[in-house]
Amino acid sequence: AGTARVAGYDVVADAEEVKRRISLTGQSAAVDEVLTGTE
């Protein structure tokens, strides 16, 4: 229940528009151990 808007778009009705305007970093590092920083 309830509503939320991020960057002007509804997170349910306009989910794809929200995804284009956000980024998420979680609690663990999402990096590939065998690659370099540049890679």
PDB file of all heavy atoms in Angstrom:
ATOM      1  N   ALA A   1       0.859  -1.181   0.000  1.00  0.00           N
ATOM      2  CA  ALA A   1       0.000   0.000   0.000  1.00  0.00           C
ATOM      3  C   ALA A   1       0.896   1.232   0.000  1.00  0.00           C
ATOM      4  O   ALA A   1       2.077   1.164   0.304  1.00  0.00           O
ATOM      5  CB  ALA A   1      -0.917   0.012   1.225  1.00  0.00           C
ATOM      6  N   GLY A   2       0.307   2.367  -0.342  1.00  0.00           N
ATOM      7  CA  GLY A   2       1.057   3.609  -0.371  1.00  0.00           C
ATOM      8  C   GLY A   2       1.652   3.880  -1.741  1.00  0.00           C
ATOM      9  O   GLY A   2       1.548   3.063  -2.671  1.00  0.00           O
ATOM     10  N   THR A   3       2.272   5.048  -1.889  1.00  0.00           N
ATOM     11  CA  THR A   3       2.865   5.450  -3.155  1.00  0.00           C
ATOM     12  C   THR A   3       4.274   5.980  -2.928  1.00  0.00           C
ATOM     13  O   THR A   3       4.611   6.440  -1.838  1.00  0.00           O
ATOM     14  CB  THR A   3       2.038   6.553  -3.834  1.00  0.00           C
ATOM     15  OG1 THR A   3       2.002   7.709  -2.974  1.00  0.00           O
ATOM     16  CG2 THR A   3       0.613   6.080  -4.104  1.00  0.00           C
ATOM     17  N   ALA A   4       5.079   5.900  -3.976  1.00  0.00           N
ATOM     18  CA  ALA A   4       6.433   6.458  -3.926  1.00  0.00           C
ATOM     19  C   ALA A   4       6.818   6.939  -5.316  1.00  0.00           C
ATOM     20  O   ALA A   4       6.504   6.293  -6.330  1.00  0.00           O
ATOM     21  CB  ALA A   4       7.431   5.418  -3.420  1.00  0.00           C
ATOM     22  N   ARG A   5       7.505   8.068  -5.345  1.00  0.00           N
ATOM     23  CA  ARG A   5       8.011   8.632  -6.592  1.00  0.00           C
ATOM     24  C   ARG A   5       9.502   8.905  -6.432  1.00  0.00           C
ATOM     25  O   ARG A   5       9.935   9.431  -5.409  1.00  0.00           O
ATOM     26  CB  ARG A   5       7.275   9.928  -6.955  1.00  0.00           C
ATOM     27  CG  ARG A   5       5.785   9.737  -7.158  1.00  0.00           C
ATOM     28  CD  ARG A   5       5.091  11.056  -7.492  1.00  0.00           C
ATOM     29  NE  ARG A   5       5.458  11.528  -8.821  1.00  0.00           N
ATOM     30  CZ  ARG A   5       4.861  11.126  -9.945  1.00  0.00           C
ATOM     31  NH1 ARG A   5       3.873  10.238  -9.899  1.00  0.00           N
ATOM     32  NH2 ARG A   5       5.245  11.616 -11.109  1.00  0.00           N
ATOM     33  N   VAL A   6      10.268   8.520  -7.445  1.00  0.00           N
ATOM     34  CA  VAL A   6      11.708   8.752  -7.463  1.00  0.00           C
ATOM     35  C   VAL A   6      12.060   9.457  -8.762  1.00  0.00           C
ATOM     36  O   VAL A   6      11.665   9.006  -9.853  1.00  0.00           O
ATOM     37  CB  VAL A   6      12.492   7.428  -7.349  1.00  0.00           C
ATOM     38  CG1 VAL A   6      13.994   7.682  -7.480  1.00  0.00           C
ATOM     39  CG2 VAL A   6      12.184   6.742  -6.026  1.00  0.00           C
ATOM     40  N   ALA A   7      12.752  10.578  -8.660  1.00  0.00           N
ATOM     41  CA  ALA A   7      13.109  11.396  -9.829  1.00  0.00           C
ATOM     42  C   ALA A   7      11.870  11.769 -10.634  1.00  0.00           C
ATOM     43  O   ALA A   7      11.918  11.892 -11.856  1.00  0.00           O
ATOM     44  CB  ALA A   7      14.127  10.673 -10.696  1.00  0.00           C
ATOM     45  N   GLY A   8      10.739  11.917  -9.927  1.00  0.00           N
ATOM     46  CA  GLY A   8       9.508  12.356 -10.568  1.00  0.00           C
ATOM     47  C   GLY A   8       8.628  11.257 -11.108  1.00  0.00           C
ATOM     48  O   GLY A   8       7.544  11.540 -11.649  1.00  0.00           O
ATOM     49  N   TYR A   9       9.024   9.995 -10.959  1.00  0.00           N
ATOM     50  CA  TYR A   9       8.263   8.887 -11.527  1.00  0.00           C
ATOM     51  C   TYR A   9       7.805   7.918 -10.444  1.00  0.00           C
ATOM     52  O   TYR A   9       8.522   7.656  -9.477  1.00  0.00           O
ATOM     53  CB  TYR A   9       9.107   8.134 -12.563  1.00  0.00           C
ATOM     54  CG  TYR A   9       9.393   8.950 -13.797  1.00  0.00           C
ATOM     55  CD1 TYR A   9      10.546   9.731 -13.874  1.00  0.00           C
ATOM     56  CD2 TYR A   9       8.515   8.961 -14.866  1.00  0.00           C
ATOM     57  CE1 TYR A   9      10.816  10.499 -15.005  1.00  0.00           C
ATOM     58  CE2 TYR A   9       8.771   9.720 -16.003  1.00  0.00           C
ATOM     59  CZ  TYR A   9       9.925  10.494 -16.059  1.00  0.00           C
ATOM     60  OH  TYR A   9      10.183  11.259 -17.166  1.00  0.00           O
ATOM     61  N   ASP A  10       6.609   7.366 -10.664  1.00  0.00           N
ATOM     62  CA  ASP A  10       6.039   6.411  -9.730  1.00  0.00           C
ATOM     63  C   ASP A  10       6.796   5.087  -9.812  1.00  0.00           C
ATOM     64  O   ASP A  10       7.027   4.565 -10.920  1.00  0.00           O
ATOM     65  CB  ASP A  10       4.554   6.185 -10.051  1.00  0.00           C
ATOM     66  CG  ASP A  10       3.857   5.322  -9.025  1.00  0.00           C
ATOM     67  OD1 ASP A  10       3.964   4.080  -9.128  1.00  0.00           O
ATOM     68  OD2 ASP A  10       3.220   5.871  -8.112  1.00  0.00           O
ATOM     69  N   VAL A  11       7.166   4.523  -8.656  1.00  0.00           N
ATOM     70  CA  VAL A  11       8.012   3.327  -8.640  1.00  0.00           C
ATOM     71  C   VAL A  11       7.285   2.074  -9.117  1.00  0.00           C
ATOM     72  O   VAL A  11       7.927   1.076  -9.463  1.00  0.00           O
ATOM     73  CB  VAL A  11       8.602   3.073  -7.235  1.00  0.00           C
ATOM     74  CG1 VAL A  11       9.504   4.223  -6.822  1.00  0.00           C
ATOM     75  CG2 VAL A  11       7.508   2.825  -6.211  1.00  0.00           C
ATOM     76  N   VAL A  12       5.956   2.116  -9.144  1.00  0.00           N
ATOM     77  CA  VAL A  12       5.184   0.972  -9.636  1.00  0.00           C
ATOM     78  C   VAL A  12       4.729   1.215 -11.065  1.00  0.00           C
ATOM     79  O   VAL A  12       5.028   0.437 -11.977  1.00  0.00           O
ATOM     80  CB  VAL A  12       3.973   0.688  -8.722  1.00  0.00           C
ATOM     81  CG1 VAL A  12       3.124  -0.446  -9.307  1.00  0.00           C
ATOM     82  CG2 VAL A  12       4.439   0.319  -7.319  1.00  0.00           C
ATOM     83  N   ALA A  13       4.026   2.307 -11.306  1.00  0.00           N
ATOM     84  CA  ALA A  13       3.474   2.589 -12.631  1.00  0.00           C
ATOM     85  C   ALA A  13       4.551   2.937 -13.651  1.00  0.00           C
ATOM     86  O   ALA A  13       4.405   2.644 -14.847  1.00  0.00           O
ATOM     87  CB  ALA A  13       2.459   3.728 -12.534  1.00  0.00           C
ATOM     88  N   ASP A  14       5.641   3.558 -13.207  1.00  0.00           N
ATOM     89  CA  ASP A  14       6.698   4.003 -14.127  1.00  0.00           C
ATOM     90  C   ASP A  14       8.043   3.380 -13.752  1.00  0.00           C
ATOM     91  O   ASP A  14       9.080   4.060 -13.751  1.00  0.00           O
ATOM     92  CB  ASP A  14       6.819   5.529 -14.090  1.00  0.00           C
ATOM     93  CG  ASP A  14       5.497   6.218 -14.381  1.00  0.00           C
ATOM     94  OD1 ASP A  14       4.861   5.871 -15.385  1.00  0.00           O
ATOM     95  OD2 ASP A  14       5.124   7.105 -13.587  1.00  0.00           O
ATOM     96  N   ALA A  15       8.029   2.096 -13.434  1.00  0.00           N
ATOM     97  CA  ALA A  15       9.230   1.431 -12.925  1.00  0.00           C
ATOM     98  C   ALA A  15      10.417   1.545 -13.876  1.00  0.00           C
ATOM     99  O   ALA A  15      11.551   1.774 -13.444  1.00  0.00           O
ATOM    100  CB  ALA A  15       8.930  -0.035 -12.626  1.00  0.00           C
ATOM    101  N   GLU A  16      10.189   1.404 -15.171  1.00  0.00           N
ATOM    102  CA  GLU A  16      11.295   1.465 -16.134  1.00  0.00           C
ATOM    103  C   GLU A  16      11.916   2.852 -16.179  1.00  0.00           C
ATOM    104  O   GLU A  16      13.136   3.001 -16.320  1.00  0.00           O
ATOM    105  CB  GLU A  16      10.811   1.040 -17.524  1.00  0.00           C
ATOM    106  CG  GLU A  16      10.445  -0.431 -17.627  1.00  0.00           C
ATOM    107  CD  GLU A  16      11.597  -1.340 -17.208  1.00  0.00           C
ATOM    108  OE1 GLU A  16      12.742  -1.097 -17.654  1.00  0.00           O
ATOM    109  OE2 GLU A  16      11.350  -2.294 -16.447  1.00  0.00           O
ATOM    110  N   GLU A  17      11.083   3.893 -16.068  1.00  0.00           N
ATOM    111  CA  GLU A  17      11.611   5.258 -16.043  1.00  0.00           C
ATOM    112  C   GLU A  17      12.438   5.498 -14.777  1.00  0.00           C
ATOM    113  O   GLU A  17      13.466   6.172 -14.809  1.00  0.00           O
ATOM    114  CB  GLU A  17      10.470   6.269 -16.126  1.00  0.00           C
ATOM    115  CG  GLU A  17       9.720   6.260 -17.442  1.00  0.00           C
ATOM    116  CD  GLU A  17      10.601   6.686 -18.609  1.00  0.00           C
ATOM    117  OE1 GLU A  17      11.565   7.436 -18.384  1.00  0.00           O
ATOM    118  OE2 GLU A  17      10.320   6.253 -19.738  1.00  0.00           O
ATOM    119  N   VAL A  18      11.989   4.944 -13.658  1.00  0.00           N
ATOM    120  CA  VAL A  18      12.750   5.063 -12.412  1.00  0.00           C
ATOM    121  C   VAL A  18      14.108   4.389 -12.552  1.00  0.00           C
ATOM    122  O   VAL A  18      15.143   4.962 -12.179  1.00  0.00           O
ATOM    123  CB  VAL A  18      11.968   4.445 -11.230  1.00  0.00           C
ATOM    124  CG1 VAL A  18      12.849   4.384  -9.975  1.00  0.00           C
ATOM    125  CG2 VAL A  18      10.703   5.248 -10.939  1.00  0.00           C
ATOM    126  N   LYS A  19      14.128   3.195 -13.121  1.00  0.00           N
ATOM    127  CA  LYS A  19      15.381   2.440 -13.251  1.00  0.00           C
ATOM    128  C   LYS A  19      16.414   3.195 -14.077  1.00  0.00           C
ATOM    129  O   LYS A  19      17.617   3.076 -13.837  1.00  0.00           O
ATOM    130  CB  LYS A  19      15.102   1.082 -13.895  1.00  0.00           C
ATOM    131  CG  LYS A  19      14.346   0.115 -13.001  1.00  0.00           C
ATOM    132  CD  LYS A  19      14.011  -1.164 -13.755  1.00  0.00           C
ATOM    133  CE  LYS A  19      13.163  -2.096 -12.916  1.00  0.00           C
ATOM    134  NZ  LYS A  19      12.770  -3.317 -13.658  1.00  0.00           N
ATOM    135  N   ARG A  20      15.971   3.977 -15.058  1.00  0.00           N
ATOM    136  CA  ARG A  20      16.902   4.732 -15.901  1.00  0.00           C
ATOM    137  C   ARG A  20      17.548   5.887 -15.157  1.00  0.00           C
ATOM    138  O   ARG A  20      18.550   6.440 -15.625  1.00  0.00           O
ATOM    139  CB  ARG A  20      16.170   5.269 -17.132  1.00  0.00           C
ATOM    140  CG  ARG A  20      15.676   4.201 -18.096  1.00  0.00           C
ATOM    141  CD  ARG A  20      15.128   4.815 -19.365  1.00  0.00           C
ATOM    142  NE  ARG A  20      14.621   3.797 -20.271  1.00  0.00           N
ATOM    143  CZ  ARG A  20      13.341   3.457 -20.394  1.00  0.00           C
ATOM    144  NH1 ARG A  20      12.434   4.104 -19.662  1.00  0.00           N
ATOM    145  NH2 ARG A  20      12.962   2.513 -21.223  1.00  0.00           N
ATOM    146  N   ARG A  21      16.992   6.249 -14.007  1.00  0.00           N
ATOM    147  CA  ARG A  21      17.439   7.448 -13.301  1.00  0.00           C
ATOM    148  C   ARG A  21      18.079   7.163 -11.943  1.00  0.00           C
ATOM    149  O   ARG A  21      18.365   8.089 -11.196  1.00  0.00           O
ATOM    150  CB  ARG A  21      16.253   8.403 -13.132  1.00  0.00           C
ATOM    151  CG  ARG A  21      15.814   8.993 -14.468  1.00  0.00           C
ATOM    152  CD  ARG A  21      14.412   9.595 -14.405  1.00  0.00           C
ATOM    153  NE  ARG A  21      14.089  10.261 -15.657  1.00  0.00           N
ATOM    154  CZ  ARG A  21      13.655   9.625 -16.755  1.00  0.00           C
ATOM    155  NH1 ARG A  21      13.484   8.301 -16.726  1.00  0.00           N
ATOM    156  NH2 ARG A  21      13.396  10.298 -17.864  1.00  0.00           N
ATOM    157  N   ILE A  22      18.269   5.891 -11.640  1.00  0.00           N
ATOM    158  CA  ILE A  22      18.828   5.534 -10.333  1.00  0.00           C
ATOM    159  C   ILE A  22      19.979   4.555 -10.473  1.00  0.00           C
ATOM    160  O   ILE A  22      20.171   3.934 -11.526  1.00  0.00           O
ATOM    161  CB  ILE A  22      17.760   4.898  -9.410  1.00  0.00           C
ATOM    162  CG1 ILE A  22      17.306   3.542  -9.972  1.00  0.00           C
ATOM    163  CG2 ILE A  22      16.589   5.840  -9.197  1.00  0.00           C
ATOM    164  CD1 ILE A  22      16.412   2.745  -9.042  1.00  0.00           C
ATOM    165  N   SER A  23      20.732   4.441  -9.402  1.00  0.00           N
ATOM    166  CA  SER A  23      21.736   3.393  -9.285  1.00  0.00           C
ATOM    167  C   SER A  23      21.720   2.921  -7.836  1.00  0.00           C
ATOM    168  O   SER A  23      21.395   3.686  -6.928  1.00  0.00           O
ATOM    169  CB  SER A  23      23.122   3.911  -9.665  1.00  0.00           C
ATOM    170  OG  SER A  23      24.040   2.839  -9.752  1.00  0.00           O
ATOM    171  N   LEU A  24      22.081   1.652  -7.630  1.00  0.00           N
ATOM    172  CA  LEU A  24      22.029   1.050  -6.298  1.00  0.00           C
ATOM    173  C   LEU A  24      23.325   0.328  -6.001  1.00  0.00           C
ATOM    174  O   LEU A  24      23.802  -0.473  -6.799  1.00  0.00           O
ATOM    175  CB  LEU A  24      20.859   0.056  -6.221  1.00  0.00           C
ATOM    176  CG  LEU A  24      20.812  -0.888  -5.008  1.00  0.00           C
ATOM    177  CD1 LEU A  24      20.623  -0.105  -3.711  1.00  0.00           C
ATOM    178  CD2 LEU A  24      19.681  -1.911  -5.181  1.00  0.00           C
ATOM    179  N   THR A  25      23.904   0.645  -4.845  1.00  0.00           N
ATOM    180  CA  THR A  25      25.054  -0.097  -4.338  1.00  0.00           C
ATOM    181  C   THR A  25      24.638  -0.784  -3.055  1.00  0.00           C
ATOM    182  O   THR A  25      24.227  -0.133  -2.103  1.00  0.00           O
ATOM    183  CB  THR A  25      26.248   0.836  -4.056  1.00  0.00           C
ATOM    184  OG1 THR A  25      26.661   1.438  -5.286  1.00  0.00           O
ATOM    185  CG2 THR A  25      27.411   0.054  -3.481  1.00  0.00           C
ATOM    186  N   GLY A  26      24.728  -2.114  -3.044  1.00  0.00           N
ATOM    187  CA  GLY A  26      24.265  -2.881  -1.898  1.00  0.00           C
ATOM    188  C   GLY A  26      25.324  -3.035  -0.830  1.00  0.00           C
ATOM    189  O   GLY A  26      26.342  -2.338  -0.810  1.00  0.00           O
ATOM    190  N   GLN A  27      25.112  -4.001   0.054  1.00  0.00           N
ATOM    191  CA  GLN A  27      25.981  -4.165   1.219  1.00  0.00           C
ATOM    192  C   GLN A  27      27.257  -4.931   0.917  1.00  0.00           C
ATOM    193  O   GLN A  27      28.178  -4.944   1.725  1.00  0.00           O
ATOM    194  CB  GLN A  27      25.209  -4.871   2.338  1.00  0.00           C
ATOM    195  CG  GLN A  27      24.026  -4.075   2.843  1.00  0.00           C
ATOM    196  CD  GLN A  27      23.244  -4.815   3.910  1.00  0.00           C
ATOM    197  OE1 GLN A  27      23.768  -5.696   4.575  1.00  0.00           O
ATOM    198  NE2 GLN A  27      21.976  -4.466   4.076  1.00  0.00           N
ATOM    199  N   SER A  28      27.332  -5.589  -0.242  1.00  0.00           N
ATOM    200  CA  SER A  28      28.545  -6.319  -0.601  1.00  0.00           C
ATOM    201  C   SER A  28      29.053  -5.814  -1.948  1.00  0.00           C
ATOM    202  O   SER A  28      28.273  -5.378  -2.795  1.00  0.00           O
ATOM    203  CB  SER A  28      28.261  -7.829  -0.691  1.00  0.00           C
ATOM    204  OG  SER A  28      27.253  -8.086  -1.647  1.00  0.00           O
ATOM    205  N   ALA A  29      30.359  -5.863  -2.119  1.00  0.00           N
ATOM    206  CA  ALA A  29      30.965  -5.328  -3.332  1.00  0.00           C
ATOM    207  C   ALA A  29      30.648  -6.222  -4.533  1.00  0.00           C
ATOM    208  O   ALA A  29      30.976  -7.397  -4.553  1.00  0.00           O
ATOM    209  CB  ALA A  29      32.474  -5.213  -3.142  1.00  0.00           C
ATOM    210  N   ALA A  30      30.015  -5.639  -5.556  1.00  0.00           N
ATOM    211  CA  ALA A  30      29.620  -6.390  -6.749  1.00  0.00           C
ATOM    212  C   ALA A  30      30.699  -6.263  -7.815  1.00  0.00           C
ATOM    213  O   ALA A  30      30.506  -5.658  -8.867  1.00  0.00           O
ATOM    214  CB  ALA A  30      28.274  -5.866  -7.262  1.00  0.00           C
ATOM    215  N   VAL A  31      31.859  -6.818  -7.534  1.00  0.00           N
ATOM    216  CA  VAL A  31      32.994  -6.711  -8.440  1.00  0.00           C
ATOM    217  C   VAL A  31      33.480  -8.099  -8.819  1.00  0.00           C
ATOM    218  O   VAL A  31      33.250  -9.081  -8.110  1.00  0.00           O
ATOM    219  CB  VAL A  31      34.140  -5.906  -7.794  1.00  0.00           C
ATOM    220  CG1 VAL A  31      33.746  -4.454  -7.629  1.00  0.00           C
ATOM    221  CG2 VAL A  31      34.538  -6.487  -6.434  1.00  0.00           C
ATOM    222  N   ASP A  32      34.165  -8.183  -9.985  1.00  0.00           N
ATOM    223  CA  ASP A  32      34.710  -9.447 -10.468  1.00  0.00           C
ATOM    224  C   ASP A  32      36.162  -9.556 -10.011  1.00  0.00           C
ATOM    225  O   ASP A  32      37.022  -8.767 -10.412  1.00  0.00           O
ATOM    226  CB  ASP A  32      34.618  -9.491 -11.998  1.00  0.00           C
ATOM    227  CG  ASP A  32      34.891 -10.885 -12.542  1.00  0.00           C
ATOM    228  OD1 ASP A  32      35.821 -11.550 -12.031  1.00  0.00           O
ATOM    229  OD2 ASP A  32      34.167 -11.326 -13.458  1.00  0.00           O
ATOM    230  N   GLU A  33      36.452 -10.559  -9.200  1.00  0.00           N
ATOM    231  CA  GLU A  33      37.760 -10.707  -8.570  1.00  0.00           C
ATOM    232  C   GLU A  33      38.888 -10.927  -9.577  1.00  0.00           C
ATOM    233  O   GLU A  33      40.037 -10.550  -9.314  1.00  0.00           O
ATOM    234  CB  GLU A  33      37.727 -11.884  -7.594  1.00  0.00           C
ATOM    235  CG  GLU A  33      36.835 -11.678  -6.388  1.00  0.00           C
ATOM    236  CD  GLU A  33      37.448 -10.753  -5.354  1.00  0.00           C
ATOM    237  OE1 GLU A  33      38.691 -10.639  -5.323  1.00  0.00           O
ATOM    238  OE2 GLU A  33      36.689 -10.148  -4.593  1.00  0.00           O
ATOM    239  N   VAL A  34      38.603 -11.549 -10.717  1.00  0.00           N
ATOM    240  CA  VAL A  34      39.679 -11.912 -11.643  1.00  0.00           C
ATOM    241  C   VAL A  34      39.984 -10.786 -12.633  1.00  0.00           C
ATOM    242  O   VAL A  34      40.952 -10.886 -13.396  1.00  0.00           O
ATOM    243  CB  VAL A  34      39.340 -13.207 -12.411  1.00  0.00           C
ATOM    244  CG1 VAL A  34      39.110 -14.352 -11.442  1.00  0.00           C
ATOM    245  CG2 VAL A  34      38.137 -13.013 -13.318  1.00  0.00           C
ATOM    246  N   LEU A  35      39.190  -9.731 -12.628  1.00  0.00           N
ATOM    247  CA  LEU A  35      39.421  -8.609 -13.529  1.00  0.00           C
ATOM    248  C   LEU A  35      40.134  -7.475 -12.809  1.00  0.00           C
ATOM    249  O   LEU A  35      40.117  -7.380 -11.579  1.00  0.00           O
ATOM    250  CB  LEU A  35      38.089  -8.098 -14.095  1.00  0.00           C
ATOM    251  CG  LEU A  35      37.251  -9.084 -14.898  1.00  0.00           C
ATOM    252  CD1 LEU A  35      35.981  -8.405 -15.392  1.00  0.00           C
ATOM    253  CD2 LEU A  35      38.047  -9.666 -16.068  1.00  0.00           C
ATOM    254  N   THR A  36      40.756  -6.603 -13.562  1.00  0.00           N
ATOM    255  CA  THR A  36      41.377  -5.415 -12.994  1.00  0.00           C
ATOM    256  C   THR A  36      40.307  -4.348 -12.738  1.00  0.00           C
ATOM    257  O   THR A  36      39.150  -4.490 -13.164  1.00  0.00           O
ATOM    258  CB  THR A  36      42.434  -4.840 -13.950  1.00  0.00           C
ATOM    259  OG1 THR A  36      41.766  -4.342 -15.128  1.00  0.00           O
ATOM    260  CG2 THR A  36      43.454  -5.899 -14.340  1.00  0.00           C
ATOM    261  N   GLY A  37      40.723  -3.268 -12.065  1.00  0.00           N
ATOM    262  CA  GLY A  37      39.784  -2.174 -11.844  1.00  0.00           C
ATOM    263  C   GLY A  37      39.257  -1.610 -13.147  1.00  0.00           C
ATOM    264  O   GLY A  37      38.050  -1.393 -13.314  1.00  0.00           O
ATOM    265  N   THR A  38      40.167  -1.386 -14.103  1.00  0.00           N
ATOM    266  CA  THR A  38      39.750  -0.865 -15.405  1.00  0.00           C
ATOM    267  C   THR A  38      38.808  -1.828 -16.102  1.00  0.00           C
ATOM    268  O   THR A  38      37.768  -1.416 -16.658  1.00  0.00           O
ATOM    269  CB  THR A  38      40.987  -0.619 -16.290  1.00  0.00           C
ATOM    270  OG1 THR A  38      41.767   0.427 -15.718  1.00  0.00           O
ATOM    271  CG2 THR A  38      40.565  -0.215 -17.703  1.00  0.00           C
ATOM    272  N   GLU A  39      39.142  -3.116 -16.091  1.00  0.00           N
ATOM    273  CA  GLU A  39      38.313  -4.109 -16.792  1.00  0.00           C
ATOM    274  C   GLU A  39      36.910  -4.188 -16.194  1.00  0.00           C
ATOM    275  O   GLU A  39      35.917  -4.337 -16.929  1.00  0.00           O
ATOM    276  CB  GLU A  39      38.997  -5.470 -16.753  1.00  0.00           C
ATOM    277  CG  GLU A  39      40.236  -5.544 -17.644  1.00  0.00           C
ATOM    278  CD  GLU A  39      41.072  -6.784 -17.380  1.00  0.00           C
ATOM    279  OE1 GLU A  39      40.905  -7.423 -16.318  1.00  0.00           O
ATOM    280  OE2 GLU A  39      41.922  -7.113 -18.242  1.00  0.00           O
TER     281      GLU A  39
END
